[in-house]
N, C-alpha and C. Protein backbone atom coordinates (compact mmCIF):
# COMPACT_ATOMS: atom_id res chain seq x y z
N UNK A 1 121.09 130.90 211.93
CA UNK A 1 119.68 130.60 211.72
C UNK A 1 119.23 131.16 210.37
N UNK A 2 118.14 130.62 209.86
CA UNK A 2 117.62 131.08 208.57
C UNK A 2 117.00 132.46 208.72
N UNK A 3 116.23 132.66 209.79
CA UNK A 3 115.57 133.94 210.05
C UNK A 3 116.07 134.52 211.36
N UNK A 4 116.81 135.63 211.29
CA UNK A 4 117.29 136.30 212.50
C UNK A 4 116.11 136.95 213.21
N UNK A 5 116.02 136.76 214.53
CA UNK A 5 114.90 137.30 215.28
C UNK A 5 115.17 137.21 216.77
N UNK A 6 114.31 137.85 217.56
CA UNK A 6 114.42 137.76 219.01
C UNK A 6 113.09 137.30 219.59
N UNK A 7 113.08 137.03 220.88
CA UNK A 7 111.85 136.68 221.57
C UNK A 7 111.23 135.38 221.12
N UNK A 8 112.05 134.45 220.57
CA UNK A 8 111.49 133.18 220.09
C UNK A 8 111.60 132.11 221.18
N UNK A 9 110.89 131.01 220.96
CA UNK A 9 110.92 129.89 221.89
C UNK A 9 111.84 128.80 221.39
N UNK A 10 112.30 127.98 222.29
CA UNK A 10 113.18 126.89 221.90
C UNK A 10 113.07 125.71 222.85
N UNK A 11 113.40 124.53 222.32
CA UNK A 11 113.43 123.32 223.14
C UNK A 11 114.26 122.27 222.41
N UNK A 12 114.43 121.11 223.03
CA UNK A 12 115.20 120.04 222.41
C UNK A 12 116.59 119.91 223.01
N UNK A 13 117.51 119.34 222.25
CA UNK A 13 118.88 119.08 222.69
C UNK A 13 119.87 119.75 221.75
N UNK A 14 121.15 119.63 222.08
CA UNK A 14 122.19 120.28 221.30
C UNK A 14 122.18 119.87 219.83
N UNK A 15 121.89 118.61 219.56
CA UNK A 15 121.93 118.08 218.20
C UNK A 15 120.55 117.83 217.60
N UNK A 16 119.52 118.21 218.32
CA UNK A 16 118.15 118.07 217.81
C UNK A 16 117.29 119.13 218.49
N UNK A 17 117.43 120.37 218.00
CA UNK A 17 116.80 121.51 218.65
C UNK A 17 115.70 122.11 217.79
N UNK A 18 114.82 122.84 218.44
CA UNK A 18 113.68 123.46 217.78
C UNK A 18 113.62 124.92 218.21
N UNK A 19 113.43 125.83 217.25
CA UNK A 19 113.22 127.26 217.52
C UNK A 19 111.97 127.69 216.78
N UNK A 20 111.13 128.49 217.42
CA UNK A 20 109.84 128.82 216.81
C UNK A 20 109.35 130.19 217.27
N UNK A 21 108.59 130.84 216.40
CA UNK A 21 108.02 132.13 216.71
C UNK A 21 109.07 133.22 216.82
N UNK A 22 108.72 134.30 217.51
CA UNK A 22 109.63 135.41 217.71
C UNK A 22 109.23 136.63 216.90
N UNK A 23 110.13 137.63 216.91
CA UNK A 23 109.88 138.86 216.20
C UNK A 23 111.03 139.23 215.30
N UNK A 24 110.72 139.73 214.09
CA UNK A 24 111.79 139.97 213.12
C UNK A 24 111.68 141.24 212.27
N UNK A 25 111.07 142.36 212.64
CA UNK A 25 110.20 142.55 213.81
C UNK A 25 108.79 142.05 213.52
N UNK A 26 107.91 142.23 214.45
CA UNK A 26 106.56 141.71 214.31
C UNK A 26 106.53 140.23 214.62
N UNK A 27 105.36 139.69 214.88
CA UNK A 27 105.24 138.28 215.22
C UNK A 27 105.43 137.40 213.99
N UNK A 28 106.29 136.40 214.09
CA UNK A 28 106.52 135.50 212.97
C UNK A 28 106.10 134.09 213.36
N UNK A 29 105.78 133.28 212.36
CA UNK A 29 105.31 131.91 212.59
C UNK A 29 106.37 130.87 212.25
N UNK A 30 107.55 131.31 211.81
CA UNK A 30 108.53 130.35 211.31
C UNK A 30 109.05 129.42 212.41
N UNK A 31 109.31 128.18 212.02
CA UNK A 31 109.89 127.16 212.88
C UNK A 31 111.16 126.66 212.21
N UNK A 32 112.21 126.48 213.00
CA UNK A 32 113.47 125.95 212.47
C UNK A 32 113.94 124.79 213.32
N UNK A 33 114.51 123.78 212.67
CA UNK A 33 115.02 122.59 213.34
C UNK A 33 116.54 122.50 213.14
N UNK A 34 117.26 122.18 214.23
CA UNK A 34 118.72 122.12 214.20
C UNK A 34 119.19 120.68 214.41
N UNK A 35 120.12 120.22 213.55
CA UNK A 35 120.58 118.83 213.62
C UNK A 35 122.00 118.70 214.18
N UNK A 36 122.51 119.76 214.78
CA UNK A 36 123.86 119.75 215.31
C UNK A 36 124.84 120.42 214.38
N UNK A 37 124.43 120.67 213.13
CA UNK A 37 125.29 121.30 212.14
C UNK A 37 124.64 122.53 211.51
N UNK A 38 123.37 122.41 211.15
CA UNK A 38 122.70 123.50 210.46
C UNK A 38 121.21 123.51 210.77
N UNK A 39 120.59 124.66 210.47
CA UNK A 39 119.15 124.83 210.67
C UNK A 39 118.41 124.54 209.38
N UNK A 40 117.20 123.95 209.51
CA UNK A 40 116.32 123.68 208.38
C UNK A 40 114.92 124.16 208.72
N UNK A 41 114.14 124.49 207.71
CA UNK A 41 112.79 124.99 207.92
C UNK A 41 111.86 123.88 208.38
N UNK A 42 111.09 124.17 209.42
CA UNK A 42 110.06 123.25 209.89
C UNK A 42 108.68 123.81 209.60
N UNK A 43 107.65 123.16 210.10
CA UNK A 43 106.28 123.62 209.87
C UNK A 43 105.99 124.91 210.60
N UNK A 44 105.29 125.83 209.94
CA UNK A 44 104.98 127.14 210.53
C UNK A 44 103.97 127.01 211.66
N UNK A 45 104.15 127.84 212.70
CA UNK A 45 103.17 127.91 213.77
C UNK A 45 101.83 128.40 213.20
N UNK A 46 100.75 128.05 213.86
CA UNK A 46 99.43 128.51 213.43
C UNK A 46 99.26 130.00 213.69
N UNK A 47 99.77 130.47 214.83
CA UNK A 47 99.71 131.88 215.20
C UNK A 47 101.07 132.28 215.74
N UNK A 48 101.70 133.27 215.12
CA UNK A 48 103.02 133.72 215.55
C UNK A 48 102.93 134.52 216.84
N UNK A 49 104.04 134.54 217.57
CA UNK A 49 104.08 135.33 218.79
C UNK A 49 105.52 135.70 219.12
N UNK A 50 105.68 136.81 219.85
CA UNK A 50 106.97 137.24 220.35
C UNK A 50 106.91 137.16 221.87
N UNK A 51 108.04 137.27 222.53
CA UNK A 51 108.07 137.10 223.98
C UNK A 51 107.42 135.76 224.33
N UNK A 52 107.96 134.70 223.73
CA UNK A 52 107.37 133.38 223.88
C UNK A 52 107.13 133.06 225.35
N UNK A 53 105.99 132.44 225.61
CA UNK A 53 105.66 132.07 226.98
C UNK A 53 106.54 130.95 227.47
N UNK A 54 106.19 129.73 227.16
CA UNK A 54 106.97 128.59 227.60
C UNK A 54 107.06 127.56 226.50
N UNK A 55 107.99 126.63 226.67
CA UNK A 55 108.15 125.55 225.72
C UNK A 55 108.73 124.33 226.38
N UNK A 56 108.42 123.17 225.83
CA UNK A 56 108.92 121.92 226.39
C UNK A 56 108.92 120.86 225.31
N UNK A 57 109.79 119.86 225.47
CA UNK A 57 109.73 118.70 224.60
C UNK A 57 110.92 118.55 223.67
N UNK A 58 110.68 117.86 222.56
CA UNK A 58 111.70 117.51 221.60
C UNK A 58 111.33 118.04 220.21
N UNK A 59 112.20 117.85 219.24
CA UNK A 59 111.94 118.30 217.87
C UNK A 59 110.67 117.67 217.32
N UNK A 60 110.39 116.44 217.69
CA UNK A 60 109.22 115.74 217.15
C UNK A 60 108.03 115.68 218.09
N UNK A 61 108.14 116.33 219.24
CA UNK A 61 107.06 116.27 220.23
C UNK A 61 107.21 117.45 221.17
N UNK A 62 106.75 118.61 220.74
CA UNK A 62 106.99 119.85 221.49
C UNK A 62 105.69 120.58 221.79
N UNK A 63 105.74 121.41 222.82
CA UNK A 63 104.65 122.30 223.17
C UNK A 63 105.16 123.73 223.24
N UNK A 64 104.37 124.66 222.75
CA UNK A 64 104.61 126.09 222.94
C UNK A 64 103.36 126.67 223.57
N UNK A 65 103.53 127.40 224.68
CA UNK A 65 102.34 127.86 225.39
C UNK A 65 102.50 129.28 225.91
N UNK A 66 101.36 129.97 225.91
CA UNK A 66 101.24 131.33 226.38
C UNK A 66 102.13 132.26 225.54
N UNK A 67 102.52 133.43 226.07
CA UNK A 67 103.33 134.37 225.32
C UNK A 67 102.57 135.63 224.96
N UNK A 68 103.10 136.37 223.99
CA UNK A 68 102.55 137.66 223.62
C UNK A 68 102.48 137.76 222.10
N UNK A 69 101.30 137.87 221.56
CA UNK A 69 101.22 137.95 220.11
C UNK A 69 99.83 138.12 219.54
N UNK A 70 99.39 139.36 219.34
CA UNK A 70 100.00 140.63 219.74
C UNK A 70 99.62 141.06 221.15
N UNK A 71 98.71 140.36 221.82
CA UNK A 71 98.40 140.60 223.23
C UNK A 71 98.77 139.34 224.00
N UNK A 72 98.73 139.40 225.33
CA UNK A 72 99.03 138.21 226.13
C UNK A 72 98.05 137.11 225.75
N UNK A 73 98.58 135.93 225.46
CA UNK A 73 97.74 134.83 225.00
C UNK A 73 97.82 133.65 225.96
N UNK A 74 96.76 132.87 225.98
CA UNK A 74 96.72 131.66 226.80
C UNK A 74 96.79 130.40 225.95
N UNK A 75 96.96 130.55 224.65
CA UNK A 75 96.90 129.40 223.75
C UNK A 75 98.12 128.48 223.88
N UNK A 76 97.90 127.22 223.57
CA UNK A 76 98.95 126.20 223.51
C UNK A 76 98.95 125.60 222.12
N UNK A 77 100.14 125.46 221.54
CA UNK A 77 100.29 124.79 220.25
C UNK A 77 101.23 123.59 220.42
N UNK A 78 100.91 122.51 219.73
CA UNK A 78 101.71 121.27 219.81
C UNK A 78 102.34 120.98 218.46
N UNK A 79 103.61 120.54 218.48
CA UNK A 79 104.37 120.26 217.25
C UNK A 79 104.73 118.79 217.19
N UNK A 80 104.48 118.14 216.04
CA UNK A 80 104.74 116.71 215.89
C UNK A 80 105.95 116.39 215.01
N UNK A 81 106.77 117.40 214.76
CA UNK A 81 107.92 117.21 213.90
C UNK A 81 107.70 117.71 212.49
N UNK A 82 106.44 118.03 212.17
CA UNK A 82 106.11 118.52 210.83
C UNK A 82 105.11 119.67 210.86
N UNK A 83 104.08 119.55 211.71
CA UNK A 83 103.03 120.57 211.74
C UNK A 83 102.65 120.90 213.18
N UNK A 84 102.11 122.11 213.35
CA UNK A 84 101.58 122.55 214.64
C UNK A 84 100.06 122.36 214.66
N UNK A 85 99.52 122.08 215.84
CA UNK A 85 98.08 121.99 216.04
C UNK A 85 97.73 122.67 217.36
N UNK A 86 96.48 123.07 217.50
CA UNK A 86 96.06 123.71 218.74
C UNK A 86 95.80 122.67 219.82
N UNK A 87 96.17 123.00 221.04
CA UNK A 87 95.90 122.15 222.19
C UNK A 87 95.14 122.98 223.22
N UNK A 88 95.00 122.48 224.43
CA UNK A 88 94.23 123.18 225.46
C UNK A 88 94.96 124.44 225.94
N UNK A 89 94.22 125.52 226.12
CA UNK A 89 94.79 126.76 226.62
C UNK A 89 95.24 126.64 228.07
N UNK A 90 96.27 127.41 228.44
CA UNK A 90 96.59 127.56 229.85
C UNK A 90 95.48 128.37 230.49
N UNK A 91 95.36 128.28 231.80
CA UNK A 91 94.31 129.03 232.50
C UNK A 91 94.66 130.50 232.64
N UNK A 92 95.96 130.78 232.86
CA UNK A 92 96.43 132.16 233.06
C UNK A 92 97.51 132.46 232.02
N UNK A 93 97.19 133.29 231.02
CA UNK A 93 98.17 133.66 230.02
C UNK A 93 99.23 134.56 230.62
N UNK A 94 100.48 134.37 230.22
CA UNK A 94 101.58 135.21 230.70
C UNK A 94 102.69 135.19 229.67
N UNK A 95 103.64 136.13 229.80
CA UNK A 95 104.82 136.05 228.94
C UNK A 95 106.08 136.15 229.78
N UNK A 96 107.14 135.54 229.26
CA UNK A 96 108.43 135.37 229.95
C UNK A 96 108.30 134.61 231.27
N UNK A 97 107.61 133.44 231.30
CA UNK A 97 107.63 132.58 232.48
C UNK A 97 108.80 131.60 232.40
N UNK A 98 108.96 130.80 233.43
CA UNK A 98 109.86 129.64 233.39
C UNK A 98 109.06 128.46 232.87
N UNK A 99 109.74 127.53 232.20
CA UNK A 99 109.04 126.35 231.71
C UNK A 99 109.97 125.16 231.68
N UNK A 100 109.38 123.98 231.63
CA UNK A 100 110.13 122.73 231.54
C UNK A 100 109.18 121.60 231.24
N UNK A 101 109.73 120.38 231.18
CA UNK A 101 108.90 119.21 230.92
C UNK A 101 109.34 118.47 229.69
N UNK A 102 108.65 117.38 229.41
CA UNK A 102 109.03 116.50 228.31
C UNK A 102 108.28 116.77 227.02
N UNK A 103 107.32 117.70 227.04
CA UNK A 103 106.66 118.08 225.79
C UNK A 103 105.24 117.61 225.68
N UNK A 104 104.99 116.68 224.74
CA UNK A 104 103.64 116.29 224.40
C UNK A 104 102.84 115.67 225.52
N UNK A 105 103.51 115.10 226.52
CA UNK A 105 102.78 114.45 227.61
C UNK A 105 102.85 115.18 228.93
N UNK A 106 103.84 116.07 229.12
CA UNK A 106 103.93 116.78 230.39
C UNK A 106 104.75 118.05 230.24
N UNK A 107 104.31 119.11 230.92
CA UNK A 107 105.01 120.38 230.90
C UNK A 107 104.65 121.16 232.15
N UNK A 108 105.47 122.17 232.45
CA UNK A 108 105.21 123.05 233.59
C UNK A 108 105.49 124.49 233.16
N UNK A 109 104.63 125.41 233.59
CA UNK A 109 104.79 126.84 233.35
C UNK A 109 104.67 127.55 234.69
N UNK A 110 105.64 128.44 234.99
CA UNK A 110 105.63 129.12 236.28
C UNK A 110 106.04 130.58 236.14
N UNK A 111 105.30 131.47 236.79
CA UNK A 111 105.64 132.88 236.81
C UNK A 111 105.31 133.58 235.50
N UNK A 112 105.90 134.77 235.32
CA UNK A 112 105.69 135.57 234.13
C UNK A 112 104.93 136.85 234.44
N UNK A 113 104.58 137.57 233.38
CA UNK A 113 103.78 138.79 233.48
C UNK A 113 102.38 138.51 232.94
N UNK A 114 101.37 139.07 233.65
CA UNK A 114 99.98 138.77 233.25
C UNK A 114 99.09 139.94 232.80
N UNK A 115 99.42 141.25 232.93
CA UNK A 115 100.73 141.89 232.98
C UNK A 115 101.31 142.13 234.37
N UNK A 116 100.65 141.79 235.47
CA UNK A 116 101.28 141.90 236.78
C UNK A 116 102.27 140.74 236.97
N UNK A 117 103.26 140.92 237.84
CA UNK A 117 104.16 139.81 238.15
C UNK A 117 103.37 138.72 238.86
N UNK A 118 103.57 137.47 238.43
CA UNK A 118 102.79 136.38 239.00
C UNK A 118 103.67 135.22 239.43
N UNK A 119 103.19 134.47 240.39
CA UNK A 119 103.83 133.23 240.81
C UNK A 119 103.04 132.01 240.37
N UNK A 120 102.02 132.25 239.55
CA UNK A 120 101.14 131.19 239.08
C UNK A 120 101.93 130.03 238.47
N UNK A 121 101.56 128.81 238.81
CA UNK A 121 102.16 127.60 238.24
C UNK A 121 101.05 126.74 237.66
N UNK A 122 101.29 126.25 236.44
CA UNK A 122 100.33 125.34 235.81
C UNK A 122 101.06 124.12 235.26
N UNK A 123 100.37 123.00 235.32
CA UNK A 123 100.92 121.70 234.92
C UNK A 123 100.10 121.15 233.76
N UNK A 124 100.80 120.68 232.72
CA UNK A 124 100.14 120.06 231.57
C UNK A 124 100.34 118.55 231.63
N UNK A 125 99.24 117.81 231.52
CA UNK A 125 99.30 116.36 231.60
C UNK A 125 98.51 115.73 230.46
N UNK A 126 99.10 114.70 229.86
CA UNK A 126 98.45 114.00 228.76
C UNK A 126 98.94 112.55 228.79
N UNK A 127 98.05 111.61 228.55
CA UNK A 127 98.42 110.19 228.67
C UNK A 127 99.30 109.72 227.53
N UNK A 128 99.10 110.25 226.32
CA UNK A 128 99.90 109.84 225.16
C UNK A 128 100.33 111.06 224.36
N UNK A 129 101.30 110.89 223.48
CA UNK A 129 101.81 112.00 222.68
C UNK A 129 100.77 112.54 221.70
N UNK A 130 99.77 111.76 221.37
CA UNK A 130 98.80 112.18 220.36
C UNK A 130 97.52 112.76 220.96
N UNK A 131 97.38 112.76 222.27
CA UNK A 131 96.14 113.27 222.86
C UNK A 131 96.23 114.78 223.05
N UNK A 132 95.12 115.40 223.32
CA UNK A 132 95.06 116.81 223.70
C UNK A 132 94.94 116.86 225.21
N UNK A 133 96.01 117.25 225.87
CA UNK A 133 96.04 117.22 227.32
C UNK A 133 95.30 118.39 227.96
N UNK A 134 95.45 118.53 229.26
CA UNK A 134 94.77 119.58 230.01
C UNK A 134 95.74 120.21 231.00
N UNK A 135 95.53 121.50 231.30
CA UNK A 135 96.32 122.22 232.28
C UNK A 135 95.60 122.23 233.63
N UNK A 136 96.36 122.14 234.69
CA UNK A 136 95.81 122.26 236.04
C UNK A 136 96.76 123.11 236.88
N UNK A 137 96.26 123.71 237.93
CA UNK A 137 97.08 124.57 238.77
C UNK A 137 97.97 123.75 239.70
N UNK A 138 99.21 124.21 239.87
CA UNK A 138 100.13 123.65 240.86
C UNK A 138 100.38 124.71 241.93
N UNK A 139 101.29 124.43 242.84
CA UNK A 139 101.62 125.40 243.88
C UNK A 139 102.33 126.62 243.30
N UNK A 140 101.98 127.80 243.80
CA UNK A 140 102.58 129.03 243.30
C UNK A 140 104.05 129.15 243.69
N UNK A 141 104.82 129.86 242.84
CA UNK A 141 106.18 130.23 243.21
C UNK A 141 106.18 131.02 244.51
N UNK A 142 107.25 130.94 245.28
CA UNK A 142 107.39 131.75 246.49
C UNK A 142 107.51 133.23 246.11
N UNK A 143 108.29 133.50 245.06
CA UNK A 143 108.52 134.86 244.58
C UNK A 143 107.99 135.00 243.16
N UNK A 144 106.89 135.70 242.98
CA UNK A 144 106.36 135.94 241.64
C UNK A 144 107.29 136.84 240.86
N UNK A 145 107.54 136.51 239.59
CA UNK A 145 108.47 137.28 238.78
C UNK A 145 108.34 136.90 237.31
N UNK A 146 109.01 137.67 236.45
CA UNK A 146 109.03 137.36 235.03
C UNK A 146 110.47 137.33 234.55
N UNK A 147 110.68 136.88 233.31
CA UNK A 147 112.02 136.84 232.75
C UNK A 147 112.93 135.85 233.43
N UNK A 148 112.34 134.88 234.14
CA UNK A 148 113.11 133.87 234.84
C UNK A 148 113.37 132.69 233.93
N UNK A 149 114.30 131.84 234.30
CA UNK A 149 114.61 130.64 233.53
C UNK A 149 114.09 129.41 234.23
N UNK A 150 113.82 128.37 233.44
CA UNK A 150 113.35 127.12 234.00
C UNK A 150 114.14 125.94 233.47
N UNK A 151 114.08 124.84 234.19
CA UNK A 151 114.70 123.58 233.79
C UNK A 151 114.00 122.46 234.52
N UNK A 152 114.33 121.22 234.15
CA UNK A 152 113.77 120.07 234.84
C UNK A 152 112.45 119.60 234.26
N UNK A 153 111.69 118.92 235.08
CA UNK A 153 110.46 118.28 234.64
C UNK A 153 109.27 118.74 235.48
N UNK A 154 108.13 118.19 235.13
CA UNK A 154 106.88 118.54 235.80
C UNK A 154 106.94 118.29 237.31
N UNK A 155 107.62 117.24 237.74
CA UNK A 155 107.67 116.88 239.16
C UNK A 155 109.00 117.17 239.83
N UNK A 156 110.00 117.58 239.06
CA UNK A 156 111.29 117.98 239.62
C UNK A 156 111.78 119.20 238.84
N UNK A 157 111.08 120.31 239.04
CA UNK A 157 111.35 121.51 238.27
C UNK A 157 112.30 122.46 238.97
N UNK A 158 112.80 123.43 238.21
CA UNK A 158 113.72 124.44 238.71
C UNK A 158 113.36 125.77 238.08
N UNK A 159 113.31 126.83 238.88
CA UNK A 159 113.08 128.19 238.39
C UNK A 159 114.10 129.10 239.06
N UNK A 160 114.76 129.95 238.26
CA UNK A 160 115.81 130.78 238.85
C UNK A 160 115.92 132.14 238.17
N UNK A 161 116.39 133.12 238.99
CA UNK A 161 116.60 134.51 238.57
C UNK A 161 115.28 135.14 238.12
N UNK A 162 115.36 136.19 237.27
CA UNK A 162 114.18 136.92 236.84
C UNK A 162 114.10 138.30 237.47
N UNK A 163 112.98 138.95 237.26
CA UNK A 163 112.76 140.31 237.73
C UNK A 163 111.42 140.38 238.44
N UNK A 164 111.41 140.91 239.67
CA UNK A 164 110.16 140.97 240.42
C UNK A 164 109.72 142.38 240.74
N UNK A 165 110.39 143.38 240.16
CA UNK A 165 109.94 144.77 240.20
C UNK A 165 110.27 145.38 238.85
N UNK A 166 110.05 146.66 238.71
CA UNK A 166 110.33 147.29 237.42
C UNK A 166 111.82 147.46 237.16
N UNK A 167 112.66 147.32 238.20
CA UNK A 167 114.08 147.58 237.98
C UNK A 167 115.02 146.72 238.83
N UNK A 168 114.53 145.64 239.41
CA UNK A 168 115.37 144.83 240.29
C UNK A 168 115.40 143.37 239.84
N UNK A 169 116.58 142.87 239.47
CA UNK A 169 116.74 141.46 239.12
C UNK A 169 117.01 140.66 240.39
N UNK A 170 116.45 139.46 240.45
CA UNK A 170 116.57 138.64 241.65
C UNK A 170 117.52 137.46 241.43
N UNK A 171 118.12 137.00 242.52
CA UNK A 171 119.01 135.83 242.47
C UNK A 171 118.32 134.56 242.96
N UNK A 172 117.04 134.65 243.32
CA UNK A 172 116.41 133.51 243.98
C UNK A 172 116.21 132.32 243.04
N UNK A 173 116.40 131.15 243.61
CA UNK A 173 116.20 129.87 242.93
C UNK A 173 115.14 129.09 243.70
N UNK A 174 114.24 128.44 242.98
CA UNK A 174 113.21 127.62 243.61
C UNK A 174 113.14 126.26 242.94
N UNK A 175 112.87 125.24 243.76
CA UNK A 175 112.78 123.86 243.28
C UNK A 175 111.34 123.36 243.47
N UNK A 176 110.85 122.63 242.46
CA UNK A 176 109.46 122.16 242.49
C UNK A 176 109.42 120.65 242.73
N UNK A 177 108.54 120.23 243.63
CA UNK A 177 108.44 118.83 244.03
C UNK A 177 107.33 118.08 243.30
N UNK A 178 106.58 118.80 242.47
CA UNK A 178 105.38 118.22 241.87
C UNK A 178 104.13 118.79 242.49
N UNK A 179 104.27 119.38 243.69
CA UNK A 179 103.12 120.00 244.36
C UNK A 179 103.43 121.40 244.88
N UNK A 180 104.69 121.66 245.28
CA UNK A 180 105.02 122.97 245.86
C UNK A 180 106.47 123.34 245.57
N UNK A 181 106.74 124.65 245.68
CA UNK A 181 108.09 125.18 245.47
C UNK A 181 108.79 125.39 246.81
N UNK A 182 110.10 125.19 246.83
CA UNK A 182 110.92 125.48 248.01
C UNK A 182 112.19 126.19 247.56
N UNK A 183 112.81 126.92 248.48
CA UNK A 183 113.99 127.71 248.14
C UNK A 183 115.19 126.82 247.85
N UNK A 184 115.92 127.17 246.79
CA UNK A 184 117.19 126.51 246.47
C UNK A 184 118.32 127.51 246.63
N UNK A 185 119.53 127.14 246.24
CA UNK A 185 120.67 128.03 246.34
C UNK A 185 120.57 129.19 245.36
N UNK A 186 120.90 130.40 245.83
CA UNK A 186 120.78 131.60 245.00
C UNK A 186 121.77 131.56 243.84
N UNK A 187 121.33 132.05 242.67
CA UNK A 187 122.23 132.20 241.54
C UNK A 187 123.22 133.33 241.86
N UNK A 188 124.42 133.27 241.32
CA UNK A 188 125.47 134.22 241.71
C UNK A 188 125.14 135.66 241.35
N UNK A 189 124.62 135.88 240.15
CA UNK A 189 124.33 137.24 239.68
C UNK A 189 122.87 137.31 239.24
N UNK A 190 122.10 138.17 239.88
CA UNK A 190 120.70 138.33 239.51
C UNK A 190 120.56 138.92 238.12
N UNK A 191 119.67 138.37 237.31
CA UNK A 191 119.45 138.89 235.97
C UNK A 191 118.11 138.36 235.45
N UNK A 192 117.69 138.90 234.31
CA UNK A 192 116.43 138.48 233.70
C UNK A 192 116.67 138.15 232.23
N UNK A 193 115.66 137.50 231.63
CA UNK A 193 115.70 137.09 230.22
C UNK A 193 116.91 136.20 229.94
N UNK A 194 117.14 135.24 230.81
CA UNK A 194 118.21 134.26 230.62
C UNK A 194 117.61 132.93 230.21
N UNK A 195 118.44 132.02 229.76
CA UNK A 195 117.99 130.69 229.34
C UNK A 195 118.33 129.67 230.41
N UNK A 196 117.57 128.58 230.45
CA UNK A 196 117.85 127.50 231.38
C UNK A 196 117.63 126.15 230.74
N UNK A 197 118.53 125.20 231.02
CA UNK A 197 118.44 123.84 230.49
C UNK A 197 118.94 122.87 231.53
N UNK A 198 118.58 121.59 231.39
CA UNK A 198 119.08 120.55 232.26
C UNK A 198 118.03 120.03 233.22
N UNK A 199 118.51 119.52 234.36
CA UNK A 199 117.63 118.94 235.37
C UNK A 199 117.69 119.75 236.65
N UNK A 200 116.86 119.39 237.60
CA UNK A 200 116.82 120.12 238.87
C UNK A 200 118.17 120.10 239.58
N UNK A 201 118.91 119.01 239.44
CA UNK A 201 120.20 118.87 240.13
C UNK A 201 121.41 119.05 239.23
N UNK A 202 121.19 119.38 237.97
CA UNK A 202 122.30 119.60 237.04
C UNK A 202 121.82 120.52 235.93
N UNK A 203 121.77 121.82 236.25
CA UNK A 203 121.18 122.82 235.33
C UNK A 203 122.22 123.86 234.92
């Protein structure tokens, strides 16, 4: 990468990926785009943050939401492949939640620290890629936690692992139907601050 850092957000695919924000140290606004071979500089975020909240979408149609920078934030920023713009805030700001979705038109955020452990779930919906969508509440996670990973979409989501106390990592997996979460198969080794990609049935 051009700028080494931690706590950044990411989305996209193996050959068309996006990385944004993070700490190097301190909150940075840099955005980088990956083409399968190398990273290139993208448009800077409007407000940098570390401990990125959630992210969804593609290199040319992405959302970054919530996170910590320098306090817990509820803001959402949208990326069009060149520049970031402000979108509608989430209702409950948190950091290290699970996230998924297709980006500019739909996303899901679940769990995180508020700073208490939460099972809060919010859904982002927008009719077109160019509109400013809105967040609404979905069914809460069964087990509130932070540092969990997410995958899937707004109506077929997946959340797994994470930490639900100050020192205990969980193996629990939950599947989202679009309205509520249900228990899935436990991950083999409980841990936190892991990454998740794919679909509900192939993650």
